[in-house]
Amino acid sequence: MKAFLSYSLNDADQFVIPLISRRLQEQRFFVTTGSYKFQENLDYQTKNGINTSNLFIGLITNTGFNNQRVYNEWLHAINNRIPSILLVEDNYDLNRGLERQPNLIRFNRYNPEIAIEEINERIKKSQNHNNDLEDAAPWILGGLAIAALISMLSED
């Protein structure tokens, strides 16, 4: 399986990318990212990378350099029905209405337990066979790696 990892981090947070990639690889994912030329428009390589993925994970932090690109990649994944999770730091100002997106998690790097608990709860709910597969897939595929990512960001 293939996971597409989209992120916009400052230099101090870059250490989490190889760590989360390794965690996903332990779950038998091949991990790829887009071409980061600091542009908001998606190039062919990025679109193709998302379209051929089994899971999309986006990460937006308050100090990220190119959050709009991550958001655009996430929208592309959703529009192409790729199981997707978007992690957004709680002090990042979101557009109205986005909070209601089903696979968006807000996290606080100084108090990650709340988000990790929410992720674990979503994993449990997703394992219920009555759930819509489209809503459950991201949590079944990547939930544990997402919880690990939030933990790593909180340790810096």
N, C-alpha and C. Protein backbone atom coordinates (compact mmCIF):
# COMPACT_ATOMS: atom_id res chain seq x y z
N MET A 1 0.84 -1.18 0.00
CA MET A 1 0.00 0.00 0.00
C MET A 1 0.88 1.24 0.00
N LYS A 2 0.29 2.33 -0.46
CA LYS A 2 1.04 3.57 -0.60
C LYS A 2 0.38 4.68 0.20
N ALA A 3 1.18 5.43 0.96
CA ALA A 3 0.71 6.59 1.72
C ALA A 3 1.37 7.84 1.17
N PHE A 4 0.58 8.87 0.96
CA PHE A 4 1.10 10.16 0.51
C PHE A 4 1.11 11.08 1.73
N LEU A 5 2.27 11.61 2.05
CA LEU A 5 2.45 12.46 3.23
C LEU A 5 2.68 13.89 2.76
N SER A 6 1.78 14.78 3.14
CA SER A 6 1.86 16.19 2.76
C SER A 6 2.07 17.01 4.03
N TYR A 7 3.04 17.90 4.01
CA TYR A 7 3.35 18.66 5.22
C TYR A 7 3.90 20.02 4.87
N SER A 8 3.76 20.91 5.84
CA SER A 8 4.35 22.24 5.75
C SER A 8 4.86 22.56 7.14
N LEU A 9 6.14 22.33 7.34
CA LEU A 9 6.73 22.46 8.67
C LEU A 9 7.89 23.44 8.64
N ASN A 10 8.14 24.06 9.78
CA ASN A 10 9.35 24.87 9.86
C ASN A 10 10.53 23.92 10.07
N ASP A 11 11.72 24.44 9.95
CA ASP A 11 12.92 23.60 10.03
C ASP A 11 13.01 22.82 11.33
N ALA A 12 12.56 23.40 12.43
CA ALA A 12 12.67 22.73 13.73
C ALA A 12 11.80 21.48 13.82
N ASP A 13 10.74 21.42 13.02
CA ASP A 13 9.83 20.27 13.06
C ASP A 13 10.11 19.23 11.99
N GLN A 14 11.06 19.47 11.12
CA GLN A 14 11.32 18.55 10.00
C GLN A 14 11.69 17.14 10.45
N PHE A 15 12.20 17.01 11.67
CA PHE A 15 12.64 15.69 12.16
C PHE A 15 11.52 14.67 12.18
N VAL A 16 10.26 15.10 12.25
CA VAL A 16 9.16 14.13 12.37
C VAL A 16 8.90 13.39 11.06
N ILE A 17 9.30 13.94 9.94
CA ILE A 17 8.97 13.32 8.66
C ILE A 17 9.63 11.95 8.49
N PRO A 18 10.95 11.83 8.71
CA PRO A 18 11.52 10.47 8.62
C PRO A 18 10.96 9.52 9.68
N LEU A 19 10.62 10.06 10.85
CA LEU A 19 10.09 9.20 11.90
C LEU A 19 8.70 8.67 11.56
N ILE A 20 7.83 9.56 11.06
CA ILE A 20 6.48 9.10 10.70
C ILE A 20 6.54 8.21 9.47
N SER A 21 7.45 8.50 8.56
CA SER A 21 7.62 7.63 7.38
C SER A 21 8.01 6.23 7.81
N ARG A 22 8.93 6.14 8.75
CA ARG A 22 9.35 4.83 9.25
C ARG A 22 8.19 4.10 9.92
N ARG A 23 7.38 4.85 10.69
CA ARG A 23 6.23 4.23 11.36
C ARG A 23 5.24 3.68 10.33
N LEU A 24 5.00 4.44 9.27
CA LEU A 24 4.11 3.97 8.21
C LEU A 24 4.71 2.77 7.48
N GLN A 25 6.02 2.78 7.26
CA GLN A 25 6.69 1.66 6.60
C GLN A 25 6.57 0.39 7.45
N GLU A 26 6.61 0.56 8.77
CA GLU A 26 6.42 -0.59 9.66
C GLU A 26 5.03 -1.20 9.48
N GLN A 27 4.07 -0.36 9.05
CA GLN A 27 2.71 -0.84 8.79
C GLN A 27 2.55 -1.26 7.32
N ARG A 28 3.68 -1.45 6.65
CA ARG A 28 3.75 -1.94 5.27
C ARG A 28 3.28 -0.93 4.22
N PHE A 29 3.50 0.35 4.50
CA PHE A 29 3.21 1.40 3.53
C PHE A 29 4.50 1.80 2.82
N PHE A 30 4.37 2.08 1.53
CA PHE A 30 5.40 2.79 0.79
C PHE A 30 5.02 4.26 0.92
N VAL A 31 5.92 5.10 1.41
CA VAL A 31 5.60 6.50 1.71
C VAL A 31 6.19 7.40 0.63
N THR A 32 5.36 8.32 0.16
CA THR A 32 5.81 9.30 -0.82
C THR A 32 5.31 10.69 -0.42
N THR A 33 5.96 11.70 -0.95
CA THR A 33 5.54 13.08 -0.74
C THR A 33 5.51 13.78 -2.09
N GLY A 34 4.94 14.97 -2.09
CA GLY A 34 4.88 15.74 -3.33
C GLY A 34 6.21 16.42 -3.62
N SER A 35 6.25 17.08 -4.75
CA SER A 35 7.43 17.88 -5.07
C SER A 35 7.21 19.26 -4.48
N TYR A 36 8.05 19.65 -3.57
CA TYR A 36 7.82 20.88 -2.82
C TYR A 36 8.64 22.02 -3.38
N LYS A 37 8.01 22.67 -4.35
CA LYS A 37 8.64 23.82 -4.99
C LYS A 37 8.04 25.11 -4.45
N PHE A 38 7.42 25.03 -3.29
CA PHE A 38 6.79 26.17 -2.63
C PHE A 38 5.82 26.90 -3.54
N GLN A 39 4.95 26.10 -4.16
CA GLN A 39 3.88 26.68 -4.96
C GLN A 39 2.57 26.08 -4.48
N GLU A 40 1.51 26.85 -4.62
CA GLU A 40 0.21 26.38 -4.15
C GLU A 40 -0.46 25.46 -5.16
N ASN A 41 -0.18 25.66 -6.45
CA ASN A 41 -0.78 24.82 -7.48
C ASN A 41 -0.12 23.45 -7.49
N LEU A 42 -0.90 22.45 -7.77
CA LEU A 42 -0.38 21.08 -7.77
C LEU A 42 0.15 20.72 -9.15
N ASP A 43 1.35 20.20 -9.17
CA ASP A 43 1.92 19.76 -10.45
C ASP A 43 1.46 18.32 -10.74
N TYR A 44 1.76 17.86 -11.95
CA TYR A 44 1.34 16.54 -12.38
C TYR A 44 1.88 15.45 -11.44
N GLN A 45 3.14 15.55 -11.06
CA GLN A 45 3.77 14.54 -10.20
C GLN A 45 3.03 14.44 -8.87
N THR A 46 2.66 15.57 -8.29
CA THR A 46 1.96 15.57 -7.01
C THR A 46 0.56 14.97 -7.17
N LYS A 47 -0.17 15.41 -8.18
CA LYS A 47 -1.51 14.87 -8.41
C LYS A 47 -1.46 13.36 -8.62
N ASN A 48 -0.51 12.90 -9.41
CA ASN A 48 -0.37 11.47 -9.67
C ASN A 48 0.00 10.72 -8.39
N GLY A 49 0.88 11.30 -7.58
CA GLY A 49 1.25 10.67 -6.32
C GLY A 49 0.06 10.50 -5.39
N ILE A 50 -0.79 11.51 -5.33
CA ILE A 50 -1.99 11.43 -4.50
C ILE A 50 -2.97 10.42 -5.08
N ASN A 51 -3.21 10.50 -6.38
CA ASN A 51 -4.21 9.65 -7.04
C ASN A 51 -3.87 8.17 -6.96
N THR A 52 -2.60 7.83 -6.85
CA THR A 52 -2.20 6.42 -6.79
C THR A 52 -1.95 5.94 -5.36
N SER A 53 -2.37 6.74 -4.38
CA SER A 53 -2.17 6.39 -2.97
C SER A 53 -3.39 5.71 -2.38
N ASN A 54 -3.14 4.93 -1.34
CA ASN A 54 -4.21 4.30 -0.58
C ASN A 54 -4.59 5.13 0.64
N LEU A 55 -3.73 6.09 1.00
CA LEU A 55 -3.95 6.92 2.18
C LEU A 55 -3.24 8.25 1.98
N PHE A 56 -3.93 9.34 2.32
CA PHE A 56 -3.34 10.67 2.30
C PHE A 56 -3.32 11.19 3.73
N ILE A 57 -2.15 11.68 4.17
CA ILE A 57 -2.03 12.30 5.48
C ILE A 57 -1.46 13.70 5.26
N GLY A 58 -2.20 14.71 5.71
CA GLY A 58 -1.75 16.10 5.62
C GLY A 58 -1.48 16.65 6.99
N LEU A 59 -0.49 17.51 7.10
CA LEU A 59 -0.11 18.10 8.38
C LEU A 59 0.07 19.60 8.20
N ILE A 60 -0.73 20.37 8.93
CA ILE A 60 -0.64 21.83 8.91
C ILE A 60 -0.32 22.31 10.31
N THR A 61 0.77 23.06 10.43
CA THR A 61 1.14 23.64 11.72
C THR A 61 1.10 25.16 11.65
N ASN A 62 1.05 25.77 12.80
CA ASN A 62 0.97 27.23 12.87
C ASN A 62 2.20 27.90 12.27
N THR A 63 3.34 27.22 12.31
CA THR A 63 4.58 27.81 11.81
C THR A 63 5.01 27.23 10.46
N GLY A 64 4.12 26.48 9.83
CA GLY A 64 4.44 25.88 8.54
C GLY A 64 4.62 26.93 7.46
N PHE A 65 5.49 26.61 6.50
CA PHE A 65 5.84 27.57 5.45
C PHE A 65 4.84 27.61 4.30
N ASN A 66 4.13 26.53 4.05
CA ASN A 66 3.28 26.48 2.87
C ASN A 66 2.01 25.67 3.15
N ASN A 67 1.25 26.13 4.13
CA ASN A 67 0.04 25.42 4.54
C ASN A 67 -1.02 25.37 3.44
N GLN A 68 -1.10 26.38 2.60
CA GLN A 68 -2.11 26.40 1.54
C GLN A 68 -1.90 25.25 0.56
N ARG A 69 -0.64 24.91 0.27
CA ARG A 69 -0.36 23.79 -0.61
C ARG A 69 -0.85 22.48 0.00
N VAL A 70 -0.60 22.30 1.30
CA VAL A 70 -1.06 21.09 1.98
C VAL A 70 -2.59 21.00 1.90
N TYR A 71 -3.24 22.12 2.15
CA TYR A 71 -4.70 22.17 2.08
C TYR A 71 -5.18 21.80 0.67
N ASN A 72 -4.54 22.36 -0.35
CA ASN A 72 -4.92 22.06 -1.74
C ASN A 72 -4.72 20.58 -2.07
N GLU A 73 -3.64 19.99 -1.56
CA GLU A 73 -3.39 18.56 -1.78
C GLU A 73 -4.47 17.72 -1.09
N TRP A 74 -4.85 18.13 0.10
CA TRP A 74 -5.89 17.42 0.85
C TRP A 74 -7.21 17.47 0.08
N LEU A 75 -7.57 18.66 -0.43
CA LEU A 75 -8.80 18.78 -1.23
C LEU A 75 -8.74 17.88 -2.46
N HIS A 76 -7.57 17.83 -3.09
CA HIS A 76 -7.41 16.97 -4.26
C HIS A 76 -7.64 15.50 -3.88
N ALA A 77 -7.09 15.09 -2.75
CA ALA A 77 -7.28 13.71 -2.29
C ALA A 77 -8.76 13.43 -2.02
N ILE A 78 -9.43 14.34 -1.35
CA ILE A 78 -10.86 14.15 -1.05
C ILE A 78 -11.66 14.08 -2.35
N ASN A 79 -11.39 14.99 -3.26
CA ASN A 79 -12.13 15.01 -4.53
C ASN A 79 -11.91 13.75 -5.36
N ASN A 80 -10.80 13.07 -5.12
CA ASN A 80 -10.50 11.84 -5.83
C ASN A 80 -10.74 10.59 -4.99
N ARG A 81 -11.46 10.79 -3.90
CA ARG A 81 -11.92 9.71 -3.02
C ARG A 81 -10.77 8.87 -2.45
N ILE A 82 -9.66 9.53 -2.15
CA ILE A 82 -8.53 8.87 -1.49
C ILE A 82 -8.77 8.98 0.02
N PRO A 83 -8.72 7.89 0.78
CA PRO A 83 -8.87 8.00 2.23
C PRO A 83 -7.87 9.02 2.78
N SER A 84 -8.38 10.01 3.53
CA SER A 84 -7.56 11.15 3.90
C SER A 84 -7.77 11.57 5.35
N ILE A 85 -6.67 12.00 5.95
CA ILE A 85 -6.70 12.60 7.29
C ILE A 85 -5.90 13.88 7.22
N LEU A 86 -6.46 14.96 7.77
CA LEU A 86 -5.75 16.23 7.85
C LEU A 86 -5.57 16.59 9.31
N LEU A 87 -4.31 16.72 9.73
CA LEU A 87 -3.98 17.16 11.09
C LEU A 87 -3.69 18.65 11.04
N VAL A 88 -4.33 19.40 11.93
CA VAL A 88 -4.15 20.84 11.96
C VAL A 88 -3.87 21.27 13.39
N GLU A 89 -2.76 21.97 13.56
CA GLU A 89 -2.42 22.48 14.89
C GLU A 89 -3.51 23.43 15.36
N ASP A 90 -3.86 23.34 16.63
CA ASP A 90 -5.03 24.06 17.13
C ASP A 90 -4.88 25.58 17.12
N ASN A 91 -3.67 26.11 17.04
CA ASN A 91 -3.51 27.56 17.00
C ASN A 91 -3.42 28.09 15.57
N TYR A 92 -3.66 27.24 14.59
CA TYR A 92 -3.72 27.66 13.19
C TYR A 92 -5.16 28.06 12.88
N ASP A 93 -5.35 29.21 12.28
CA ASP A 93 -6.67 29.75 11.99
C ASP A 93 -7.26 29.07 10.75
N LEU A 94 -8.28 28.26 10.97
CA LEU A 94 -8.95 27.55 9.88
C LEU A 94 -10.10 28.37 9.33
N ASN A 95 -10.40 28.17 8.05
CA ASN A 95 -11.58 28.78 7.46
C ASN A 95 -12.82 28.22 8.13
N ARG A 96 -13.85 29.04 8.22
CA ARG A 96 -15.10 28.58 8.82
C ARG A 96 -15.64 27.36 8.08
N GLY A 97 -16.21 26.46 8.82
CA GLY A 97 -16.82 25.29 8.21
C GLY A 97 -15.90 24.09 8.10
N LEU A 98 -14.60 24.32 8.09
CA LEU A 98 -13.67 23.19 7.95
C LEU A 98 -13.65 22.30 9.18
N GLU A 99 -13.96 22.86 10.33
CA GLU A 99 -13.95 22.07 11.58
C GLU A 99 -14.89 20.87 11.49
N ARG A 100 -15.89 20.97 10.63
CA ARG A 100 -16.89 19.89 10.53
C ARG A 100 -16.47 18.79 9.58
N GLN A 101 -15.32 18.91 8.95
CA GLN A 101 -14.84 17.86 8.05
C GLN A 101 -14.63 16.58 8.88
N PRO A 102 -15.10 15.45 8.38
CA PRO A 102 -15.07 14.23 9.20
C PRO A 102 -13.67 13.72 9.53
N ASN A 103 -12.70 13.95 8.68
CA ASN A 103 -11.37 13.39 8.93
C ASN A 103 -10.33 14.46 9.16
N LEU A 104 -10.73 15.48 9.90
CA LEU A 104 -9.83 16.55 10.30
C LEU A 104 -9.65 16.47 11.81
N ILE A 105 -8.41 16.48 12.24
CA ILE A 105 -8.09 16.42 13.66
C ILE A 105 -7.32 17.68 14.04
N ARG A 106 -7.78 18.37 15.07
CA ARG A 106 -7.03 19.49 15.63
C ARG A 106 -6.16 18.93 16.76
N PHE A 107 -4.92 19.41 16.86
CA PHE A 107 -4.05 18.92 17.93
C PHE A 107 -3.31 20.08 18.57
N ASN A 108 -2.96 19.88 19.83
CA ASN A 108 -2.16 20.83 20.58
C ASN A 108 -0.86 20.14 20.91
N ARG A 109 0.24 20.66 20.40
CA ARG A 109 1.53 19.99 20.60
C ARG A 109 1.96 19.97 22.06
N TYR A 110 1.40 20.85 22.89
CA TYR A 110 1.76 20.88 24.31
C TYR A 110 0.82 20.05 25.17
N ASN A 111 -0.27 19.59 24.57
CA ASN A 111 -1.21 18.73 25.26
C ASN A 111 -1.80 17.76 24.23
N PRO A 112 -0.99 16.82 23.75
CA PRO A 112 -1.42 15.96 22.64
C PRO A 112 -2.40 14.86 23.03
N GLU A 113 -2.57 14.63 24.31
CA GLU A 113 -3.37 13.48 24.74
C GLU A 113 -4.81 13.54 24.24
N ILE A 114 -5.38 14.74 24.16
CA ILE A 114 -6.77 14.87 23.73
C ILE A 114 -6.91 14.39 22.29
N ALA A 115 -6.03 14.85 21.41
CA ALA A 115 -6.10 14.44 20.00
C ALA A 115 -5.81 12.95 19.85
N ILE A 116 -4.85 12.44 20.60
CA ILE A 116 -4.52 11.02 20.51
C ILE A 116 -5.70 10.18 20.97
N GLU A 117 -6.38 10.62 22.02
CA GLU A 117 -7.57 9.92 22.50
C GLU A 117 -8.67 9.94 21.43
N GLU A 118 -8.85 11.08 20.77
CA GLU A 118 -9.85 11.18 19.70
C GLU A 118 -9.50 10.25 18.55
N ILE A 119 -8.23 10.18 18.19
CA ILE A 119 -7.80 9.28 17.11
C ILE A 119 -8.07 7.83 17.49
N ASN A 120 -7.72 7.45 18.70
CA ASN A 120 -7.96 6.07 19.14
C ASN A 120 -9.45 5.74 19.13
N GLU A 121 -10.29 6.72 19.51
CA GLU A 121 -11.73 6.51 19.48
C GLU A 121 -12.22 6.33 18.04
N ARG A 122 -11.67 7.11 17.11
CA ARG A 122 -12.07 6.97 15.70
C ARG A 122 -11.61 5.63 15.13
N ILE A 123 -10.45 5.16 15.57
CA ILE A 123 -9.99 3.84 15.12
C ILE A 123 -10.98 2.77 15.58
N LYS A 124 -11.38 2.83 16.85
CA LYS A 124 -12.33 1.84 17.38
C LYS A 124 -13.65 1.88 16.62
N LYS A 125 -14.18 3.09 16.38
CA LYS A 125 -15.43 3.22 15.64
C LYS A 125 -15.29 2.69 14.22
N SER A 126 -14.13 2.89 13.62
CA SER A 126 -13.90 2.46 12.25
C SER A 126 -13.87 0.95 12.12
N GLN A 127 -13.53 0.29 13.19
CA GLN A 127 -13.46 -1.17 13.15
C GLN A 127 -14.84 -1.82 13.23
N ASN A 128 -15.86 -0.99 13.47
CA ASN A 128 -17.24 -1.46 13.46
C ASN A 128 -17.64 -1.67 12.00
N HIS A 129 -18.07 -2.83 11.65
CA HIS A 129 -18.36 -3.17 10.25
C HIS A 129 -19.56 -2.40 9.68
N ASN A 130 -20.33 -1.73 10.50
CA ASN A 130 -21.49 -0.99 10.01
C ASN A 130 -21.10 0.38 9.46
N ASN A 131 -19.87 0.80 9.69
CA ASN A 131 -19.43 2.12 9.22
C ASN A 131 -19.26 2.15 7.72
N ASP A 132 -19.42 3.34 7.16
CA ASP A 132 -19.15 3.58 5.74
C ASP A 132 -17.66 3.40 5.53
N LEU A 133 -17.29 2.54 4.59
CA LEU A 133 -15.87 2.25 4.36
C LEU A 133 -15.07 3.50 4.03
N GLU A 134 -15.67 4.42 3.28
CA GLU A 134 -14.95 5.64 2.90
C GLU A 134 -14.56 6.47 4.12
N ASP A 135 -15.43 6.52 5.12
CA ASP A 135 -15.13 7.26 6.34
C ASP A 135 -14.18 6.49 7.25
N ALA A 136 -14.27 5.17 7.23
CA ALA A 136 -13.48 4.35 8.13
C ALA A 136 -12.06 4.10 7.64
N ALA A 137 -11.86 4.07 6.33
CA ALA A 137 -10.57 3.66 5.76
C ALA A 137 -9.38 4.44 6.29
N PRO A 138 -9.42 5.78 6.38
CA PRO A 138 -8.22 6.47 6.86
C PRO A 138 -7.82 6.08 8.27
N TRP A 139 -8.81 5.83 9.10
CA TRP A 139 -8.51 5.51 10.50
C TRP A 139 -8.00 4.09 10.63
N ILE A 140 -8.54 3.20 9.85
CA ILE A 140 -8.06 1.82 9.87
C ILE A 140 -6.65 1.77 9.31
N LEU A 141 -6.39 2.48 8.21
CA LEU A 141 -5.08 2.44 7.56
C LEU A 141 -4.00 3.20 8.31
N GLY A 142 -4.31 4.39 8.80
CA GLY A 142 -3.24 5.25 9.31
C GLY A 142 -3.41 5.81 10.71
N GLY A 143 -4.44 5.39 11.40
CA GLY A 143 -4.73 5.97 12.71
C GLY A 143 -3.59 5.90 13.70
N LEU A 144 -2.94 4.76 13.81
CA LEU A 144 -1.85 4.62 14.79
C LEU A 144 -0.65 5.48 14.43
N ALA A 145 -0.36 5.59 13.14
CA ALA A 145 0.75 6.44 12.71
C ALA A 145 0.45 7.91 12.99
N ILE A 146 -0.81 8.30 12.83
CA ILE A 146 -1.21 9.68 13.10
C ILE A 146 -1.02 10.00 14.58
N ALA A 147 -1.43 9.11 15.45
CA ALA A 147 -1.25 9.31 16.88
C ALA A 147 0.23 9.44 17.21
N ALA A 148 1.07 8.63 16.58
CA ALA A 148 2.51 8.71 16.80
C ALA A 148 3.07 10.05 16.33
N LEU A 149 2.57 10.55 15.20
CA LEU A 149 3.02 11.83 14.68
C LEU A 149 2.73 12.96 15.65
N ILE A 150 1.54 13.00 16.20
CA ILE A 150 1.20 14.03 17.18
C ILE A 150 2.09 13.91 18.41
N SER A 151 2.35 12.71 18.85
CA SER A 151 3.25 12.51 20.00
C SER A 151 4.64 13.06 19.70
N MET A 152 5.15 12.79 18.50
CA MET A 152 6.49 13.26 18.15
C MET A 152 6.56 14.78 18.10
N LEU A 153 5.53 15.41 17.56
CA LEU A 153 5.53 16.88 17.49
C LEU A 153 5.48 17.51 18.88
N SER A 154 4.87 16.79 19.81
CA SER A 154 4.74 17.34 21.17
C SER A 154 6.03 17.23 21.96
N GLU A 155 6.96 16.43 21.48
CA GLU A 155 8.20 16.20 22.22
C GLU A 155 9.30 17.21 21.89
N ASP A 156 9.06 18.12 20.93
CA ASP A 156 10.14 19.06 20.56
C ASP A 156 10.23 20.24 21.50
